[in-house]
Amino acid sequence: MKHTRSLTICFLFLSFFGISQIGIGTETVDNSAILQVESVSEGMLIPSMTTTQRNLILLPAKGLFIYNNSTNTFDYNEGTPVIPSWISVHDRSTRTSDLGQSAKYSNTNITTDINPAMVIDLPIFGNEEWNDNASLFRVSGNRLQINESGRYKLNVNISIASSSNDGRKAPEIYFAVNGNRMGAYASTGYIRLANNHEQSSLHLNEIFTLNANDIITVKVIESGASNAAVLRSVGSSNLYIEKIN
């Protein structure tokens, strides 16, 4: 009797591990699936955790899939176990954008003093060179509104000319989101209208995680001297933005 029971358990054990496909709620499993679940009255729950808990997973496999209850999104690891890169799967019905959509703007203003004593918004949005999605990127005055949350790459390139007859000037720029500085500063150091030292340039490259309806501006202020400077010529300064996640 003991031998019969042992043989039965052994047979069941070998049968279980010999199965290459599993069906739950169905006896017919598609040839391409190792697991197929069917139901008309119940769903399937996958592990649910916070962003902090997700980030503590040790060596998460490429393709590992979880529900993030901090952001209410499904997340998967697009990176490697050693360097994970968690990507959120968004509901396409609520999105107006595709990754890689971008916009570029350039200046038409060449008279505003961009070395002011009090910070101002840089007049960079004079001309829209292109806009892949007008619902995603919207300009009003010197402000750019982002209408969908995500991760964005921003580049700004500023060409500067001295406009005063003498004295030094040193404009400084930075990105602001909803009026608050984000990221690095860029500063010219001194330039002056003397010995042909009349031009300079500023450049910033940043990646920001933004929320829907965030307002982006480029702020400019004097950093060392109060003499006037302007954008060098029409179209010589520009801002580029691209949705990357």
Protein backbone atom coordinates (compact mmCIF):
# COMPACT_ATOMS: atom_id res chain seq x y z
CA MET A 1 0.00 0.00 0.00
CA LYS A 2 2.84 2.36 0.88
CA HIS A 3 4.57 1.54 -2.40
CA THR A 4 1.38 2.25 -4.38
CA ARG A 5 0.88 5.61 -2.64
CA SER A 6 4.51 6.59 -3.27
CA LEU A 7 4.24 5.67 -6.94
CA THR A 8 1.03 7.71 -7.29
CA ILE A 9 2.63 10.80 -5.74
CA CYS A 10 5.70 10.35 -7.91
CA PHE A 11 3.54 10.04 -11.04
CA LEU A 12 1.60 13.20 -10.17
CA PHE A 13 4.84 15.07 -9.45
CA LEU A 14 6.38 14.04 -12.78
CA SER A 15 3.16 14.77 -14.65
CA PHE A 16 2.98 18.28 -13.19
CA PHE A 17 6.55 19.17 -14.12
CA GLY A 18 6.16 17.56 -17.53
CA ILE A 19 3.40 19.98 -18.54
CA SER A 20 4.72 22.65 -20.94
CA GLN A 21 1.49 24.69 -20.98
CA ILE A 22 -1.03 25.63 -18.30
CA GLY A 23 -4.65 26.62 -18.80
CA ILE A 24 -6.76 28.22 -16.07
CA GLY A 25 -10.44 28.37 -16.92
CA THR A 26 -9.79 26.57 -20.19
CA GLU A 27 -8.59 23.18 -21.37
CA THR A 28 -7.43 24.56 -24.73
CA VAL A 29 -4.23 26.56 -24.50
CA ASP A 30 -2.96 28.49 -27.49
CA ASN A 31 0.22 26.98 -28.92
CA SER A 32 2.11 30.26 -28.43
CA ALA A 33 1.25 30.56 -24.71
CA ILE A 34 2.82 28.88 -21.69
CA LEU A 35 -0.08 30.17 -19.56
CA GLN A 36 -3.62 31.02 -20.66
CA VAL A 37 -6.24 32.37 -18.27
CA GLU A 38 -9.89 32.75 -19.22
CA SER A 39 -12.85 34.09 -17.27
CA VAL A 40 -15.97 36.15 -17.94
CA SER A 41 -16.51 37.15 -14.31
CA GLU A 42 -13.06 37.63 -12.74
CA GLY A 43 -9.83 39.44 -13.49
CA MET A 44 -6.18 38.79 -12.74
CA LEU A 45 -4.16 40.65 -10.11
CA ILE A 46 -0.43 41.12 -10.49
CA PRO A 47 1.85 42.33 -7.67
CA SER A 48 0.98 45.87 -6.57
CA MET A 49 3.48 48.15 -4.86
CA THR A 50 4.66 51.73 -4.44
CA THR A 51 7.42 53.35 -6.50
CA THR A 52 9.76 53.07 -3.51
CA GLN A 53 9.03 49.36 -3.10
CA ARG A 54 9.48 48.81 -6.86
CA ASN A 55 12.88 50.49 -6.76
CA LEU A 56 13.97 48.15 -3.95
CA ILE A 57 13.45 45.01 -6.04
CA LEU A 58 16.82 43.29 -6.19
CA LEU A 59 18.09 42.78 -9.75
CA PRO A 60 14.69 43.01 -11.46
CA ALA A 61 14.53 40.95 -14.65
CA LYS A 62 14.20 42.70 -18.00
CA GLY A 63 10.46 42.69 -18.74
CA LEU A 64 9.42 42.35 -15.07
CA PHE A 65 5.87 43.70 -14.76
CA ILE A 66 4.17 45.26 -11.71
CA TYR A 67 1.29 47.59 -10.86
CA ASN A 68 2.52 50.87 -9.39
CA ASN A 69 -0.06 52.14 -6.91
CA SER A 70 1.86 55.39 -6.41
CA THR A 71 1.20 56.44 -10.02
CA ASN A 72 -1.71 54.10 -10.84
CA THR A 73 0.18 52.69 -13.82
CA PHE A 74 1.49 49.33 -14.96
CA ASP A 75 5.29 49.46 -14.98
CA TYR A 76 7.83 47.19 -16.65
CA ASN A 77 11.62 47.07 -16.58
CA GLU A 78 12.98 48.06 -19.99
CA GLY A 79 16.54 48.05 -18.70
CA THR A 80 18.75 45.32 -17.30
CA PRO A 81 18.74 43.73 -13.84
CA VAL A 82 21.84 45.73 -12.92
CA ILE A 83 20.62 49.02 -14.43
CA PRO A 84 16.81 48.87 -14.41
CA SER A 85 14.76 51.40 -16.37
CA TRP A 86 11.13 51.37 -15.31
CA ILE A 87 8.62 52.41 -17.98
CA SER A 88 4.96 53.18 -17.29
CA VAL A 89 2.34 51.80 -19.66
CA HIS A 90 -0.14 54.62 -20.26
CA ASP A 91 -3.75 54.35 -21.36
CA ARG A 92 -3.62 55.31 -25.03
CA SER A 93 -7.21 56.59 -24.89
CA THR A 94 -6.13 59.41 -22.58
CA ARG A 95 -3.00 60.35 -24.50
CA THR A 96 -2.69 62.79 -27.34
CA SER A 97 1.02 62.30 -27.87
CA ASP A 98 3.55 59.81 -29.14
CA LEU A 99 7.09 59.47 -27.88
CA GLY A 100 9.49 61.51 -29.97
CA GLN A 101 7.01 64.27 -30.74
CA SER A 102 8.75 67.62 -30.53
CA ALA A 103 8.51 71.35 -31.09
CA LYS A 104 11.05 74.04 -31.86
CA TYR A 105 10.79 77.80 -31.39
CA SER A 106 13.11 80.69 -32.23
CA ASN A 107 13.31 84.38 -31.42
CA THR A 108 12.05 87.36 -33.36
CA ASN A 109 12.73 89.86 -30.55
CA ILE A 110 16.12 91.61 -30.81
CA THR A 111 15.41 94.73 -28.72
CA THR A 112 14.58 93.49 -25.19
CA ASP A 113 17.43 93.95 -22.72
CA ILE A 114 18.37 90.40 -21.66
CA ASN A 115 20.77 91.56 -18.96
CA PRO A 116 18.14 92.96 -16.58
CA ALA A 117 18.52 93.72 -12.89
CA MET A 118 15.27 91.83 -12.19
CA VAL A 119 14.60 88.41 -13.69
CA ILE A 120 12.40 88.26 -16.80
CA ASP A 121 11.10 85.57 -19.15
CA LEU A 122 13.39 85.26 -22.16
CA PRO A 123 11.54 86.24 -25.39
CA ILE A 124 12.40 82.99 -27.17
CA PHE A 125 8.99 81.94 -28.54
CA GLY A 126 8.67 84.45 -31.38
CA ASN A 127 8.50 81.91 -34.22
CA GLU A 128 7.23 78.33 -34.19
CA GLU A 129 9.55 76.40 -36.48
CA TRP A 130 7.55 73.19 -36.03
CA ASN A 131 5.14 71.61 -33.58
CA ASP A 132 4.34 67.90 -33.95
CA ASN A 133 1.38 68.14 -31.56
CA ALA A 134 -0.33 71.46 -30.89
CA SER A 135 -2.44 69.81 -28.16
CA LEU A 136 0.72 68.83 -26.29
CA PHE A 137 2.84 71.99 -26.68
CA ARG A 138 1.14 75.38 -26.39
CA VAL A 139 2.80 78.79 -26.29
CA SER A 140 1.37 81.94 -24.75
CA GLY A 141 3.67 84.95 -24.77
CA ASN A 142 7.02 83.84 -23.38
CA ARG A 143 5.60 80.71 -21.72
CA LEU A 144 5.30 77.11 -22.94
CA GLN A 145 2.56 74.90 -21.49
CA ILE A 146 2.90 71.10 -21.43
CA ASN A 147 -0.48 69.38 -21.50
CA GLU A 148 0.52 65.81 -20.68
CA SER A 149 2.63 64.38 -17.90
CA GLY A 150 5.84 62.61 -18.85
CA ARG A 151 9.58 63.03 -19.29
CA TYR A 152 10.81 65.75 -21.64
CA LYS A 153 14.14 66.77 -23.12
CA LEU A 154 14.75 70.51 -23.44
CA ASN A 155 17.55 72.37 -25.22
CA VAL A 156 17.95 76.14 -25.38
CA ASN A 157 20.61 78.01 -27.36
CA ILE A 158 20.98 81.77 -26.90
CA SER A 159 23.09 84.06 -29.08
CA ILE A 160 23.89 87.36 -27.37
CA ALA A 161 25.17 90.72 -28.60
CA SER A 162 26.26 93.75 -26.63
CA SER A 163 23.95 96.73 -27.22
CA SER A 164 25.49 99.35 -24.94
CA ASN A 165 28.35 101.60 -25.94
CA ASP A 166 30.56 100.68 -23.04
CA GLY A 167 30.70 98.66 -19.84
CA ARG A 168 30.39 95.01 -19.08
CA LYS A 169 27.38 92.72 -19.03
CA ALA A 170 26.89 89.11 -17.93
CA PRO A 171 23.47 87.55 -18.62
CA GLU A 172 22.54 84.30 -16.90
CA ILE A 173 19.73 81.90 -17.83
CA TYR A 174 17.94 78.91 -16.32
CA PHE A 175 14.78 76.89 -16.88
CA ALA A 176 11.79 77.45 -14.61
CA VAL A 177 8.77 75.20 -14.16
CA ASN A 178 5.74 77.01 -12.79
CA GLY A 179 8.05 79.86 -11.82
CA ASN A 180 10.51 77.69 -9.88
CA ARG A 181 14.08 77.16 -11.09
CA MET A 182 14.83 73.65 -12.38
CA GLY A 183 18.25 72.33 -13.31
CA ALA A 184 21.44 74.19 -14.06
CA TYR A 185 22.41 77.81 -14.65
CA ALA A 186 24.24 79.04 -17.73
CA SER A 187 26.22 82.28 -17.53
CA THR A 188 28.38 84.13 -20.04
CA GLY A 189 30.88 85.68 -17.72
CA TYR A 190 31.65 89.27 -18.75
CA ILE A 191 31.21 90.50 -22.31
CA ARG A 192 31.70 94.11 -23.39
CA LEU A 193 31.54 96.37 -26.39
CA ALA A 194 35.31 96.77 -26.62
CA ASN A 195 38.02 95.27 -28.84
CA ASN A 196 35.28 93.38 -30.73
CA HIS A 197 34.35 91.31 -27.68
CA GLU A 198 30.71 91.95 -28.45
CA GLN A 199 29.09 88.52 -28.70
CA SER A 200 28.60 85.46 -26.57
CA SER A 201 26.24 82.48 -26.25
CA LEU A 202 24.47 80.42 -23.61
CA HIS A 203 23.33 76.79 -23.81
CA LEU A 204 21.27 74.52 -21.54
CA ASN A 205 20.36 70.84 -21.97
CA GLU A 206 18.00 69.27 -19.45
CA ILE A 207 15.62 66.35 -18.99
CA PHE A 208 12.63 67.01 -16.71
CA THR A 209 9.74 64.91 -15.45
CA LEU A 210 6.74 67.21 -15.90
CA ASN A 211 3.08 67.17 -14.96
CA ALA A 212 0.14 68.03 -17.17
CA ASN A 213 -0.37 71.82 -17.43
CA ASP A 214 3.13 72.67 -16.20
CA ILE A 215 4.44 76.01 -17.50
CA ILE A 216 8.03 76.21 -18.79
CA THR A 217 9.92 79.48 -19.11
CA VAL A 218 13.53 80.43 -19.67
CA LYS A 219 14.51 83.01 -17.07
CA VAL A 220 17.24 85.58 -17.68
CA ILE A 221 18.91 88.04 -15.31
CA GLU A 222 22.20 89.91 -14.98
CA SER A 223 24.77 87.98 -13.00
CA GLY A 224 27.50 90.58 -12.70
CA ALA A 225 27.01 93.91 -14.46
CA SER A 226 24.02 95.98 -15.54
CA ASN A 227 24.79 97.18 -19.07
CA ALA A 228 22.43 96.16 -21.85
CA ALA A 229 22.57 93.11 -24.11
CA VAL A 230 20.11 91.70 -26.65
CA LEU A 231 19.47 88.56 -28.66
CA ARG A 232 21.93 88.79 -31.53
CA SER A 233 19.62 88.49 -34.56
CA VAL A 234 16.24 87.11 -35.57
CA GLY A 235 16.30 83.32 -35.42
CA SER A 236 19.71 83.16 -33.75
CA SER A 237 18.28 81.75 -30.48
CA ASN A 238 16.03 78.74 -30.14
CA LEU A 239 14.34 76.28 -27.81
CA TYR A 240 13.71 72.60 -28.58
CA ILE A 241 11.47 70.24 -26.58
CA GLU A 242 10.82 66.53 -27.11
CA LYS A 243 8.65 64.01 -25.25
CA ILE A 244 10.83 61.01 -24.43
CA ASN A 245 8.65 59.05 -21.96
